[in-house]
């Protein structure tokens, strides 16, 4: 069962490849990437993260011990669950923007905490299955990477489908836009920052919570 679940990582690789394509479409023409904030780092960082994801997913060997395979398989499934929660949260925010209403912050925070707890549970399960709390760090990261990749895919797809924001007839808003880039650039930068957050920060949080949950799990078993 664990090995069959781990084969799902090829689906994640496909997600990452699609994300690179969508990212390239948004950054076209690529020679203008360096005109983005931080000398283009806003656009380069998510691309580097996606390439790193593909490398890590390909590097992850299929031949592991039975317990490690089971731990990784469960963390992948939990990561998919956390990813669905993240996508739901993003959809709620997008719906609020379309309705031009304030997003339900309490619900959004609850969903964010729920996704984080799921990654922590992946660490707890990894530690208990293997009897080694340090494995909780790995399974927490692996789960959060899966969730973060789904979140990044949702952001990039939404950005591609929505297209550039409509021009505003508000002169003051146009003036503000000229100060830090037009509406299209601002929306692009915000989406790129969100993509980088999901790809880079989410695994760090997942690894921390995974190790923390695993350590508490080991104490409970003592």
N, C-alpha and C. Protein backbone atom coordinates (compact mmCIF):
# COMPACT_ATOMS: atom_id res chain seq x y z
N UNK A 1 0.84 -1.21 0.00
CA UNK A 1 0.00 0.00 0.00
C UNK A 1 0.87 1.25 0.00
N UNK A 2 1.90 1.25 0.86
CA UNK A 2 2.76 2.44 0.97
C UNK A 2 3.46 2.76 -0.32
N UNK A 3 3.94 1.71 -1.00
CA UNK A 3 4.65 1.95 -2.26
C UNK A 3 3.70 2.49 -3.34
N UNK A 4 2.47 1.97 -3.36
CA UNK A 4 1.49 2.48 -4.33
C UNK A 4 1.18 3.95 -4.06
N UNK A 5 1.08 4.31 -2.77
CA UNK A 5 0.82 5.70 -2.42
C UNK A 5 1.98 6.59 -2.83
N UNK A 6 3.21 6.10 -2.61
CA UNK A 6 4.38 6.91 -2.97
C UNK A 6 4.46 7.16 -4.48
N UNK A 7 3.85 6.26 -5.26
CA UNK A 7 3.86 6.48 -6.70
C UNK A 7 3.09 7.74 -7.08
N UNK A 8 2.28 8.25 -6.16
CA UNK A 8 1.55 9.50 -6.41
C UNK A 8 2.50 10.68 -6.53
N UNK A 9 3.77 10.50 -6.12
CA UNK A 9 4.70 11.61 -6.24
C UNK A 9 4.90 12.02 -7.69
N UNK A 10 4.66 11.08 -8.62
CA UNK A 10 4.78 11.44 -10.04
C UNK A 10 3.67 12.40 -10.44
N UNK A 11 2.52 12.30 -9.77
CA UNK A 11 1.46 13.27 -10.01
C UNK A 11 1.89 14.64 -9.50
N UNK A 12 2.59 14.67 -8.37
CA UNK A 12 3.10 15.94 -7.84
C UNK A 12 4.14 16.53 -8.78
N UNK A 13 4.97 15.68 -9.36
CA UNK A 13 5.95 16.17 -10.34
C UNK A 13 5.23 16.81 -11.52
N UNK A 14 4.14 16.19 -11.96
CA UNK A 14 3.35 16.76 -13.06
C UNK A 14 2.79 18.12 -12.66
N UNK A 15 2.30 18.24 -11.41
CA UNK A 15 1.81 19.53 -10.91
C UNK A 15 2.92 20.57 -10.98
N UNK A 16 4.12 20.19 -10.55
CA UNK A 16 5.24 21.14 -10.54
C UNK A 16 5.61 21.58 -11.95
N UNK A 17 5.57 20.64 -12.90
CA UNK A 17 5.89 20.99 -14.30
C UNK A 17 4.83 21.94 -14.85
N UNK A 18 3.57 21.66 -14.56
CA UNK A 18 2.49 22.56 -15.00
C UNK A 18 2.67 23.94 -14.38
N UNK A 19 3.07 23.97 -13.11
CA UNK A 19 3.29 25.26 -12.43
C UNK A 19 4.40 26.05 -13.10
N UNK A 20 5.47 25.37 -13.49
CA UNK A 20 6.57 26.06 -14.18
C UNK A 20 6.07 26.67 -15.49
N UNK A 21 5.24 25.91 -16.20
CA UNK A 21 4.67 26.42 -17.46
C UNK A 21 3.79 27.64 -17.21
N UNK A 22 2.91 27.55 -16.21
CA UNK A 22 2.02 28.68 -15.89
C UNK A 22 2.84 29.89 -15.45
N UNK A 23 3.88 29.64 -14.68
CA UNK A 23 4.74 30.72 -14.21
C UNK A 23 5.44 31.40 -15.38
N UNK A 24 5.93 30.59 -16.32
CA UNK A 24 6.60 31.15 -17.49
C UNK A 24 5.63 31.99 -18.33
N UNK A 25 4.38 31.54 -18.40
CA UNK A 25 3.38 32.30 -19.14
C UNK A 25 3.15 33.66 -18.50
N UNK A 26 3.10 33.70 -17.17
CA UNK A 26 2.85 34.95 -16.47
C UNK A 26 4.05 35.89 -16.54
N UNK A 27 5.25 35.34 -16.62
CA UNK A 27 6.46 36.16 -16.62
C UNK A 27 6.93 36.51 -18.03
N UNK A 28 6.20 36.05 -19.03
CA UNK A 28 6.59 36.33 -20.41
C UNK A 28 6.37 37.82 -20.74
N UNK A 29 7.31 38.44 -21.47
CA UNK A 29 8.61 37.93 -21.92
C UNK A 29 9.60 37.82 -20.76
N UNK A 30 10.35 36.72 -20.73
CA UNK A 30 11.18 36.40 -19.58
C UNK A 30 12.28 37.42 -19.33
N UNK A 31 12.67 38.15 -20.38
CA UNK A 31 13.75 39.13 -20.17
C UNK A 31 13.31 40.30 -19.29
N UNK A 32 12.00 40.43 -19.06
CA UNK A 32 11.52 41.51 -18.22
C UNK A 32 11.36 41.10 -16.75
N UNK A 33 11.74 39.86 -16.45
CA UNK A 33 11.62 39.37 -15.07
C UNK A 33 12.43 40.24 -14.12
N UNK A 34 13.59 40.69 -14.57
CA UNK A 34 14.48 41.45 -13.70
C UNK A 34 13.95 42.86 -13.42
N UNK A 35 12.86 43.23 -14.07
CA UNK A 35 12.23 44.51 -13.76
C UNK A 35 11.29 44.41 -12.56
N UNK A 36 11.03 43.17 -12.11
CA UNK A 36 10.18 42.98 -10.94
C UNK A 36 10.95 43.35 -9.68
N UNK A 37 10.25 43.54 -8.55
CA UNK A 37 10.93 43.92 -7.30
C UNK A 37 12.05 42.97 -6.91
N UNK A 38 13.01 43.50 -6.16
CA UNK A 38 14.18 42.74 -5.68
C UNK A 38 15.00 42.18 -6.84
N UNK A 39 15.13 42.99 -7.88
CA UNK A 39 15.92 42.61 -9.06
C UNK A 39 15.43 41.30 -9.69
N UNK A 40 14.14 41.11 -9.66
CA UNK A 40 13.54 39.93 -10.28
C UNK A 40 13.39 38.74 -9.37
N UNK A 41 13.87 38.85 -8.13
CA UNK A 41 13.79 37.70 -7.21
C UNK A 41 12.35 37.26 -6.97
N UNK A 42 11.42 38.20 -7.04
CA UNK A 42 10.00 37.88 -6.84
C UNK A 42 9.53 36.83 -7.86
N UNK A 43 10.05 36.90 -9.08
CA UNK A 43 9.67 35.93 -10.10
C UNK A 43 10.60 34.73 -10.18
N UNK A 44 11.85 34.92 -9.80
CA UNK A 44 12.84 33.84 -9.89
C UNK A 44 12.68 32.84 -8.75
N UNK A 45 12.37 33.32 -7.55
CA UNK A 45 12.29 32.44 -6.37
C UNK A 45 11.30 31.30 -6.55
N UNK A 46 10.05 31.56 -7.00
CA UNK A 46 9.13 30.43 -7.16
C UNK A 46 9.60 29.43 -8.21
N UNK A 47 10.27 29.93 -9.27
CA UNK A 47 10.79 29.02 -10.30
C UNK A 47 11.87 28.10 -9.71
N UNK A 48 12.76 28.67 -8.89
CA UNK A 48 13.81 27.86 -8.25
C UNK A 48 13.18 26.83 -7.32
N UNK A 49 12.17 27.24 -6.56
CA UNK A 49 11.49 26.32 -5.65
C UNK A 49 10.86 25.16 -6.41
N UNK A 50 10.22 25.44 -7.54
CA UNK A 50 9.56 24.39 -8.31
C UNK A 50 10.57 23.41 -8.88
N UNK A 51 11.70 23.92 -9.38
CA UNK A 51 12.76 23.03 -9.90
C UNK A 51 13.29 22.16 -8.76
N UNK A 52 13.48 22.76 -7.58
CA UNK A 52 13.96 22.00 -6.42
C UNK A 52 12.96 20.92 -6.04
N UNK A 53 11.67 21.23 -6.11
CA UNK A 53 10.63 20.25 -5.79
C UNK A 53 10.74 19.05 -6.73
N UNK A 54 10.88 19.32 -8.01
CA UNK A 54 10.98 18.22 -8.99
C UNK A 54 12.20 17.37 -8.68
N UNK A 55 13.33 18.02 -8.37
CA UNK A 55 14.54 17.28 -8.05
C UNK A 55 14.37 16.41 -6.81
N UNK A 56 13.74 16.96 -5.77
CA UNK A 56 13.54 16.19 -4.55
C UNK A 56 12.58 15.03 -4.77
N UNK A 57 11.53 15.27 -5.53
CA UNK A 57 10.55 14.21 -5.78
C UNK A 57 11.15 13.08 -6.62
N UNK A 58 12.03 13.44 -7.55
CA UNK A 58 12.69 12.41 -8.36
C UNK A 58 13.75 11.68 -7.54
N UNK A 59 14.40 12.41 -6.63
CA UNK A 59 15.48 11.82 -5.83
C UNK A 59 14.94 10.85 -4.80
N UNK A 60 13.73 11.11 -4.31
CA UNK A 60 13.17 10.25 -3.27
C UNK A 60 13.13 8.81 -3.76
N UNK A 61 13.95 7.95 -3.18
CA UNK A 61 14.01 6.56 -3.68
C UNK A 61 12.73 5.79 -3.37
N UNK A 62 12.37 4.92 -4.27
CA UNK A 62 11.19 4.09 -4.07
C UNK A 62 11.48 2.92 -3.12
N UNK A 63 12.73 2.49 -3.11
CA UNK A 63 13.08 1.33 -2.28
C UNK A 63 13.49 1.78 -0.89
N UNK A 64 12.54 1.77 -0.01
CA UNK A 64 12.77 2.12 1.39
C UNK A 64 12.34 0.92 2.24
N UNK A 65 12.72 0.98 3.51
CA UNK A 65 12.21 -0.04 4.42
C UNK A 65 10.70 0.09 4.52
N UNK A 66 10.06 -0.97 4.95
CA UNK A 66 8.59 -0.99 4.99
C UNK A 66 8.04 0.11 5.87
N UNK A 67 8.67 0.36 7.03
CA UNK A 67 8.14 1.37 7.95
C UNK A 67 8.33 2.77 7.39
N UNK A 68 9.48 3.03 6.77
CA UNK A 68 9.71 4.35 6.17
C UNK A 68 8.73 4.58 5.02
N UNK A 69 8.53 3.54 4.20
CA UNK A 69 7.59 3.66 3.09
C UNK A 69 6.19 3.95 3.59
N UNK A 70 5.79 3.27 4.66
CA UNK A 70 4.45 3.50 5.23
C UNK A 70 4.33 4.92 5.76
N UNK A 71 5.38 5.39 6.46
CA UNK A 71 5.35 6.74 7.02
C UNK A 71 5.27 7.79 5.92
N UNK A 72 6.06 7.63 4.86
CA UNK A 72 6.05 8.58 3.76
C UNK A 72 4.72 8.54 3.01
N UNK A 73 4.18 7.32 2.85
CA UNK A 73 2.90 7.19 2.16
C UNK A 73 1.78 7.88 2.92
N UNK A 74 1.74 7.69 4.24
CA UNK A 74 0.70 8.34 5.04
C UNK A 74 0.86 9.86 5.02
N UNK A 75 2.12 10.32 5.08
CA UNK A 75 2.34 11.77 5.08
C UNK A 75 1.94 12.39 3.75
N UNK A 76 2.09 11.65 2.66
CA UNK A 76 1.66 12.17 1.36
C UNK A 76 0.14 12.32 1.33
N UNK A 77 -0.56 11.30 1.83
CA UNK A 77 -2.02 11.38 1.84
C UNK A 77 -2.50 12.51 2.75
N UNK A 78 -1.85 12.66 3.90
CA UNK A 78 -2.22 13.76 4.79
C UNK A 78 -1.89 15.11 4.14
N UNK A 79 -0.81 15.15 3.37
CA UNK A 79 -0.46 16.38 2.66
C UNK A 79 -1.50 16.74 1.62
N UNK A 80 -2.04 15.74 0.95
CA UNK A 80 -3.12 16.00 0.00
C UNK A 80 -4.34 16.58 0.71
N UNK A 81 -4.64 16.04 1.90
CA UNK A 81 -5.76 16.56 2.68
C UNK A 81 -5.51 18.00 3.09
N UNK A 82 -4.30 18.29 3.58
CA UNK A 82 -3.95 19.67 3.95
C UNK A 82 -4.01 20.58 2.73
N UNK A 83 -3.60 20.06 1.58
CA UNK A 83 -3.65 20.86 0.35
C UNK A 83 -5.07 21.22 -0.04
N UNK A 84 -5.99 20.27 0.12
CA UNK A 84 -7.40 20.55 -0.18
C UNK A 84 -7.92 21.66 0.73
N UNK A 85 -7.51 21.63 2.01
CA UNK A 85 -7.92 22.68 2.95
C UNK A 85 -7.37 24.03 2.50
N UNK A 86 -6.12 24.06 2.05
CA UNK A 86 -5.51 25.31 1.59
C UNK A 86 -6.24 25.83 0.35
N UNK A 87 -6.53 24.94 -0.59
CA UNK A 87 -7.24 25.35 -1.81
C UNK A 87 -8.62 25.90 -1.45
N UNK A 88 -9.29 25.28 -0.49
CA UNK A 88 -10.59 25.76 -0.04
C UNK A 88 -10.47 27.17 0.55
N UNK A 89 -9.43 27.37 1.35
CA UNK A 89 -9.21 28.70 1.92
C UNK A 89 -8.99 29.74 0.83
N UNK A 90 -8.19 29.40 -0.18
CA UNK A 90 -7.93 30.32 -1.28
C UNK A 90 -9.20 30.63 -2.06
N UNK A 91 -10.05 29.60 -2.22
CA UNK A 91 -11.30 29.80 -2.95
C UNK A 91 -12.22 30.73 -2.19
N UNK A 92 -12.25 30.60 -0.87
CA UNK A 92 -13.09 31.48 -0.05
C UNK A 92 -12.61 32.93 -0.18
N UNK A 93 -11.29 33.13 -0.16
CA UNK A 93 -10.76 34.48 -0.32
C UNK A 93 -11.09 35.04 -1.70
N UNK A 94 -10.94 34.20 -2.73
CA UNK A 94 -11.22 34.66 -4.09
C UNK A 94 -12.69 35.02 -4.26
N UNK A 95 -13.56 34.23 -3.65
CA UNK A 95 -15.00 34.52 -3.74
C UNK A 95 -15.33 35.84 -3.08
N UNK A 96 -14.67 36.12 -1.95
CA UNK A 96 -14.91 37.39 -1.26
C UNK A 96 -14.46 38.57 -2.12
N UNK A 97 -13.34 38.40 -2.82
CA UNK A 97 -12.85 39.46 -3.70
C UNK A 97 -13.83 39.71 -4.83
N UNK A 98 -14.35 38.63 -5.42
CA UNK A 98 -15.31 38.77 -6.52
C UNK A 98 -16.59 39.47 -6.06
N UNK A 99 -17.00 39.17 -4.84
CA UNK A 99 -18.22 39.80 -4.31
C UNK A 99 -17.95 41.19 -3.74
N UNK A 100 -16.66 41.54 -3.70
CA UNK A 100 -16.23 42.82 -3.15
C UNK A 100 -16.68 42.97 -1.70
N UNK A 101 -16.50 41.89 -0.94
CA UNK A 101 -16.82 41.89 0.48
C UNK A 101 -15.57 41.51 1.27
N UNK A 102 -15.61 41.76 2.56
CA UNK A 102 -14.48 41.38 3.41
C UNK A 102 -14.44 39.86 3.57
N UNK A 103 -13.25 39.27 3.44
CA UNK A 103 -13.16 37.82 3.61
C UNK A 103 -13.42 37.42 5.06
N UNK A 104 -14.00 36.25 5.29
CA UNK A 104 -14.26 35.79 6.67
C UNK A 104 -12.94 35.39 7.35
N UNK A 105 -12.32 36.33 8.03
CA UNK A 105 -10.99 36.11 8.57
C UNK A 105 -10.95 34.95 9.56
N UNK A 106 -11.99 34.82 10.39
CA UNK A 106 -12.01 33.75 11.37
C UNK A 106 -11.99 32.39 10.69
N UNK A 107 -12.83 32.22 9.67
CA UNK A 107 -12.88 30.95 8.94
C UNK A 107 -11.56 30.68 8.24
N UNK A 108 -10.96 31.71 7.65
CA UNK A 108 -9.68 31.54 6.96
C UNK A 108 -8.59 31.11 7.94
N UNK A 109 -8.57 31.71 9.11
CA UNK A 109 -7.57 31.34 10.11
C UNK A 109 -7.78 29.93 10.61
N UNK A 110 -9.04 29.54 10.78
CA UNK A 110 -9.33 28.18 11.22
C UNK A 110 -8.83 27.17 10.18
N UNK A 111 -9.05 27.47 8.90
CA UNK A 111 -8.59 26.58 7.85
C UNK A 111 -7.06 26.51 7.80
N UNK A 112 -6.40 27.65 8.00
CA UNK A 112 -4.94 27.66 8.01
C UNK A 112 -4.39 26.81 9.16
N UNK A 113 -5.00 26.97 10.33
CA UNK A 113 -4.57 26.18 11.49
C UNK A 113 -4.85 24.70 11.25
N UNK A 114 -5.99 24.40 10.64
CA UNK A 114 -6.34 23.01 10.35
C UNK A 114 -5.31 22.37 9.42
N UNK A 115 -4.91 23.10 8.37
CA UNK A 115 -3.91 22.57 7.44
C UNK A 115 -2.58 22.33 8.16
N UNK A 116 -2.20 23.26 9.05
CA UNK A 116 -0.95 23.11 9.80
C UNK A 116 -1.03 21.90 10.72
N UNK A 117 -2.16 21.69 11.38
CA UNK A 117 -2.32 20.56 12.29
C UNK A 117 -2.22 19.24 11.53
N UNK A 118 -2.77 19.20 10.33
CA UNK A 118 -2.69 17.97 9.52
C UNK A 118 -1.22 17.63 9.24
N UNK A 119 -0.41 18.63 8.93
CA UNK A 119 1.02 18.38 8.70
C UNK A 119 1.71 17.94 9.99
N UNK A 120 1.27 18.50 11.11
CA UNK A 120 1.80 18.05 12.39
C UNK A 120 1.45 16.59 12.66
N UNK A 121 0.23 16.20 12.31
CA UNK A 121 -0.20 14.81 12.48
C UNK A 121 0.64 13.88 11.61
N UNK A 122 1.02 14.36 10.42
CA UNK A 122 1.91 13.57 9.57
C UNK A 122 3.23 13.30 10.28
N UNK A 123 3.75 14.30 10.98
CA UNK A 123 4.97 14.11 11.75
C UNK A 123 4.75 13.14 12.90
N UNK A 124 3.61 13.28 13.57
CA UNK A 124 3.28 12.38 14.68
C UNK A 124 3.22 10.93 14.20
N UNK A 125 2.55 10.71 13.09
CA UNK A 125 2.43 9.36 12.55
C UNK A 125 3.79 8.82 12.12
N UNK A 126 4.60 9.68 11.50
CA UNK A 126 5.92 9.23 11.08
C UNK A 126 6.77 8.80 12.25
N UNK A 127 6.71 9.59 13.34
CA UNK A 127 7.48 9.25 14.53
C UNK A 127 6.99 7.97 15.18
N UNK A 128 5.69 7.77 15.22
CA UNK A 128 5.15 6.58 15.88
C UNK A 128 5.36 5.31 15.04
N UNK A 129 5.22 5.44 13.73
CA UNK A 129 5.39 4.27 12.87
C UNK A 129 6.82 3.76 12.92
N UNK A 130 7.77 4.68 12.90
CA UNK A 130 9.19 4.29 12.86
C UNK A 130 9.82 4.21 14.25
N UNK A 131 9.15 4.80 15.26
CA UNK A 131 9.74 4.84 16.59
C UNK A 131 10.88 5.84 16.70
N UNK A 132 10.99 6.74 15.72
CA UNK A 132 12.07 7.73 15.69
C UNK A 132 11.46 9.10 15.47
N UNK A 133 11.58 9.98 16.48
CA UNK A 133 10.96 11.30 16.38
C UNK A 133 11.53 12.13 15.24
N UNK A 134 12.81 11.91 14.90
CA UNK A 134 13.41 12.71 13.82
C UNK A 134 12.74 12.44 12.48
N UNK A 135 12.14 11.26 12.32
CA UNK A 135 11.41 10.97 11.09
C UNK A 135 10.19 11.88 10.98
N UNK A 136 9.67 12.33 12.13
CA UNK A 136 8.55 13.26 12.12
C UNK A 136 8.88 14.55 11.40
N UNK A 137 10.15 14.96 11.51
CA UNK A 137 10.58 16.15 10.77
C UNK A 137 10.45 15.94 9.28
N UNK A 138 10.90 14.77 8.81
CA UNK A 138 10.86 14.46 7.37
C UNK A 138 9.43 14.33 6.88
N UNK A 139 8.62 13.59 7.62
CA UNK A 139 7.24 13.39 7.15
C UNK A 139 6.42 14.67 7.26
N UNK A 140 6.74 15.52 8.25
CA UNK A 140 6.08 16.81 8.34
C UNK A 140 6.41 17.69 7.14
N UNK A 141 7.69 17.70 6.76
CA UNK A 141 8.11 18.48 5.59
C UNK A 141 7.48 17.91 4.32
N UNK A 142 7.51 16.59 4.19
CA UNK A 142 6.97 15.94 2.99
C UNK A 142 5.48 16.23 2.84
N UNK A 143 4.75 16.17 3.95
CA UNK A 143 3.33 16.47 3.93
C UNK A 143 3.09 17.93 3.55
N UNK A 144 3.86 18.83 4.16
CA UNK A 144 3.69 20.26 3.88
C UNK A 144 4.10 20.61 2.46
N UNK A 145 5.11 19.94 1.92
CA UNK A 145 5.49 20.16 0.52
C UNK A 145 4.34 19.81 -0.41
N UNK A 146 3.70 18.69 -0.12
CA UNK A 146 2.55 18.27 -0.94
C UNK A 146 1.43 19.31 -0.87
N UNK A 147 1.13 19.75 0.35
CA UNK A 147 0.08 20.75 0.53
C UNK A 147 0.46 22.08 -0.12
N UNK A 148 1.71 22.50 0.08
CA UNK A 148 2.17 23.76 -0.50
C UNK A 148 2.15 23.76 -2.01
N UNK A 149 2.48 22.61 -2.61
CA UNK A 149 2.46 22.52 -4.06
C UNK A 149 1.03 22.66 -4.60
N UNK A 150 0.07 22.07 -3.91
CA UNK A 150 -1.32 22.23 -4.32
C UNK A 150 -1.76 23.69 -4.17
N UNK A 151 -1.34 24.33 -3.09
CA UNK A 151 -1.68 25.73 -2.90
C UNK A 151 -1.07 26.61 -3.98
N UNK A 152 0.20 26.36 -4.31
CA UNK A 152 0.87 27.14 -5.35
C UNK A 152 0.19 26.93 -6.71
N UNK A 153 -0.21 25.69 -6.98
CA UNK A 153 -0.90 25.41 -8.25
C UNK A 153 -2.21 26.16 -8.33
N UNK A 154 -2.94 26.21 -7.22
CA UNK A 154 -4.21 26.93 -7.19
C UNK A 154 -4.00 28.42 -7.45
N UNK A 155 -2.96 29.00 -6.85
CA UNK A 155 -2.67 30.43 -7.05
C UNK A 155 -2.32 30.71 -8.50
N UNK A 156 -1.45 29.89 -9.09
CA UNK A 156 -1.01 30.12 -10.47
C UNK A 156 -2.14 29.90 -11.46
N UNK A 157 -2.97 28.90 -11.21
CA UNK A 157 -4.09 28.65 -12.12
C UNK A 157 -5.12 29.78 -12.03
N UNK A 158 -5.38 30.24 -10.82
CA UNK A 158 -6.33 31.34 -10.66
C UNK A 158 -5.80 32.59 -11.34
N UNK A 159 -4.50 32.84 -11.22
CA UNK A 159 -3.90 34.01 -11.85
C UNK A 159 -3.99 33.92 -13.37
N UNK A 160 -3.80 32.70 -13.90
CA UNK A 160 -3.85 32.52 -15.35
C UNK A 160 -5.27 32.66 -15.88
N UNK A 161 -6.23 32.05 -15.17
CA UNK A 161 -7.62 32.10 -15.63
C UNK A 161 -8.20 33.51 -15.51
N UNK A 162 -7.88 34.18 -14.40
CA UNK A 162 -8.45 35.51 -14.17
C UNK A 162 -7.91 36.54 -15.15
N UNK A 163 -6.65 36.39 -15.57
CA UNK A 163 -6.06 37.37 -16.46
C UNK A 163 -5.76 38.66 -15.73
N UNK A 164 -5.30 39.69 -16.44
CA UNK A 164 -4.98 40.96 -15.79
C UNK A 164 -6.22 41.63 -15.23
N UNK A 165 -6.08 42.33 -14.12
CA UNK A 165 -7.24 43.02 -13.54
C UNK A 165 -7.72 44.14 -14.45
N UNK A 166 -9.01 44.44 -14.42
CA UNK A 166 -9.52 45.50 -15.28
C UNK A 166 -8.97 46.87 -14.90
N UNK A 167 -8.84 47.72 -15.89
CA UNK A 167 -8.33 49.07 -15.63
C UNK A 167 -9.34 49.85 -14.79
N UNK A 168 -8.83 50.70 -13.93
CA UNK A 168 -9.69 51.49 -13.06
C UNK A 168 -9.85 52.90 -13.61
N UNK A 169 -11.07 53.45 -13.45
CA UNK A 169 -11.32 54.84 -13.85
C UNK A 169 -11.07 55.81 -12.70
N UNK A 170 -10.68 55.26 -11.56
CA UNK A 170 -10.40 56.08 -10.38
C UNK A 170 -9.02 56.72 -10.53
N UNK A 171 -8.97 58.04 -10.69
CA UNK A 171 -7.70 58.73 -10.93
C UNK A 171 -6.75 58.57 -9.74
N UNK A 172 -7.29 58.61 -8.53
CA UNK A 172 -6.42 58.46 -7.36
C UNK A 172 -5.81 57.06 -7.30
N UNK A 173 -6.62 56.05 -7.64
CA UNK A 173 -6.10 54.68 -7.66
C UNK A 173 -5.03 54.53 -8.73
N UNK A 174 -5.25 55.20 -9.88
CA UNK A 174 -4.23 55.15 -10.93
C UNK A 174 -2.94 55.80 -10.45
N UNK A 175 -3.07 56.89 -9.71
CA UNK A 175 -1.88 57.57 -9.19
C UNK A 175 -1.13 56.65 -8.22
N UNK A 176 -1.87 55.97 -7.34
CA UNK A 176 -1.23 55.05 -6.41
C UNK A 176 -0.55 53.92 -7.16
N UNK A 177 -1.19 53.46 -8.21
CA UNK A 177 -0.61 52.38 -9.01
C UNK A 177 0.70 52.78 -9.65
N UNK A 178 0.81 54.02 -10.11
CA UNK A 178 2.04 54.48 -10.74
C UNK A 178 3.20 54.49 -9.74
N UNK A 179 2.88 54.66 -8.45
CA UNK A 179 3.94 54.75 -7.45
C UNK A 179 4.61 53.40 -7.22
N UNK A 180 3.86 52.31 -7.32
CA UNK A 180 4.44 50.99 -7.04
C UNK A 180 4.11 49.99 -8.15
N UNK A 181 3.87 50.50 -9.35
CA UNK A 181 3.55 49.62 -10.46
C UNK A 181 2.05 49.63 -10.72
N UNK A 182 1.66 49.33 -11.95
CA UNK A 182 0.25 49.36 -12.29
C UNK A 182 -0.50 48.18 -11.65
N UNK A 183 -1.81 48.17 -11.83
CA UNK A 183 -2.64 47.14 -11.19
C UNK A 183 -2.20 45.73 -11.59
N UNK A 184 -1.87 45.55 -12.87
CA UNK A 184 -1.47 44.23 -13.34
C UNK A 184 -0.19 43.77 -12.65
N UNK A 185 0.79 44.68 -12.55
CA UNK A 185 2.05 44.34 -11.89
C UNK A 185 1.85 44.03 -10.42
N UNK A 186 1.01 44.83 -9.76
CA UNK A 186 0.75 44.60 -8.34
C UNK A 186 0.10 43.24 -8.12
N UNK A 187 -0.87 42.89 -8.96
CA UNK A 187 -1.53 41.59 -8.83
C UNK A 187 -0.55 40.45 -9.09
N UNK A 188 0.33 40.64 -10.08
CA UNK A 188 1.33 39.62 -10.40
C UNK A 188 2.28 39.41 -9.23
N UNK A 189 2.78 40.50 -8.67
CA UNK A 189 3.72 40.40 -7.56
C UNK A 189 3.07 39.73 -6.35
N UNK A 190 1.83 40.08 -6.06
CA UNK A 190 1.12 39.48 -4.93
C UNK A 190 0.96 37.97 -5.13
N UNK A 191 0.61 37.57 -6.35
CA UNK A 191 0.43 36.14 -6.63
C UNK A 191 1.77 35.40 -6.56
N UNK A 192 2.83 36.02 -7.06
CA UNK A 192 4.15 35.39 -7.01
C UNK A 192 4.62 35.23 -5.57
N UNK A 193 4.37 36.23 -4.75
CA UNK A 193 4.74 36.14 -3.33
C UNK A 193 3.96 35.02 -2.64
N UNK A 194 2.68 34.89 -2.98
CA UNK A 194 1.87 33.82 -2.39
C UNK A 194 2.40 32.45 -2.82
N UNK A 195 2.78 32.34 -4.09
CA UNK A 195 3.33 31.08 -4.60
C UNK A 195 4.61 30.70 -3.86
N UNK A 196 5.50 31.67 -3.70
CA UNK A 196 6.75 31.41 -2.98
C UNK A 196 6.48 31.04 -1.54
N UNK A 197 5.51 31.69 -0.92
CA UNK A 197 5.15 31.37 0.47
C UNK A 197 4.75 29.91 0.59
N UNK A 198 3.87 29.46 -0.29
CA UNK A 198 3.39 28.08 -0.20
C UNK A 198 4.52 27.08 -0.46
N UNK A 199 5.41 27.41 -1.39
CA UNK A 199 6.47 26.48 -1.76
C UNK A 199 7.63 26.47 -0.77
N UNK A 200 7.90 27.60 -0.14
CA UNK A 200 9.10 27.72 0.69
C UNK A 200 8.78 27.73 2.18
N UNK A 201 7.83 28.54 2.58
CA UNK A 201 7.55 28.69 4.02
C UNK A 201 6.74 27.52 4.56
N UNK A 202 5.78 27.04 3.78
CA UNK A 202 4.92 25.96 4.26
C UNK A 202 5.71 24.72 4.68
N UNK A 203 6.71 24.25 3.89
CA UNK A 203 7.49 23.08 4.36
C UNK A 203 8.27 23.35 5.64
N UNK A 204 8.73 24.58 5.85
CA UNK A 204 9.45 24.90 7.08
C UNK A 204 8.51 24.78 8.28
N UNK A 205 7.30 25.32 8.13
CA UNK A 205 6.31 25.21 9.20
C UNK A 205 5.92 23.75 9.42
N UNK A 206 5.72 23.02 8.32
CA UNK A 206 5.35 21.61 8.43
C UNK A 206 6.43 20.78 9.11
N UNK A 207 7.69 21.07 8.79
CA UNK A 207 8.78 20.34 9.42
C UNK A 207 8.86 20.61 10.91
N UNK A 208 8.68 21.88 11.29
CA UNK A 208 8.72 22.23 12.72
C UNK A 208 7.59 21.54 13.48
N UNK A 209 6.37 21.65 12.93
CA UNK A 209 5.22 21.04 13.61
C UNK A 209 5.33 19.51 13.60
N UNK A 210 5.84 18.95 12.51
CA UNK A 210 6.00 17.50 12.44
C UNK A 210 6.94 16.99 13.52
N UNK A 211 8.06 17.68 13.69
CA UNK A 211 9.01 17.28 14.73
C UNK A 211 8.42 17.49 16.12
N UNK A 212 7.72 18.62 16.30
CA UNK A 212 7.12 18.91 17.60
C UNK A 212 6.08 17.85 17.96
N UNK A 213 5.20 17.54 17.03
CA UNK A 213 4.17 16.52 17.28
C UNK A 213 4.81 15.16 17.53
N UNK A 214 5.86 14.85 16.77
CA UNK A 214 6.53 13.55 16.93
C UNK A 214 7.17 13.44 18.30
N UNK A 215 7.78 14.50 18.76
CA UNK A 215 8.42 14.49 20.10
C UNK A 215 7.38 14.27 21.19
N UNK A 216 6.24 14.95 21.09
CA UNK A 216 5.18 14.74 22.06
C UNK A 216 4.62 13.32 21.97
N UNK A 217 4.56 12.81 20.74
CA UNK A 217 4.09 11.43 20.55
C UNK A 217 5.01 10.42 21.20
N UNK A 218 6.33 10.68 21.12
CA UNK A 218 7.29 9.77 21.75
C UNK A 218 7.15 9.81 23.27
N UNK A 219 6.90 11.00 23.83
CA UNK A 219 6.74 11.12 25.28
C UNK A 219 5.51 10.35 25.74
N UNK A 220 4.45 10.41 24.93
CA UNK A 220 3.22 9.71 25.30
C UNK A 220 3.44 8.21 25.33
N UNK A 221 4.33 7.74 24.45
CA UNK A 221 4.58 6.29 24.37
C UNK A 221 5.55 5.82 25.43
N UNK A 222 6.28 6.80 26.06
CA UNK A 222 7.29 6.41 27.04
C UNK A 222 6.64 5.87 28.31
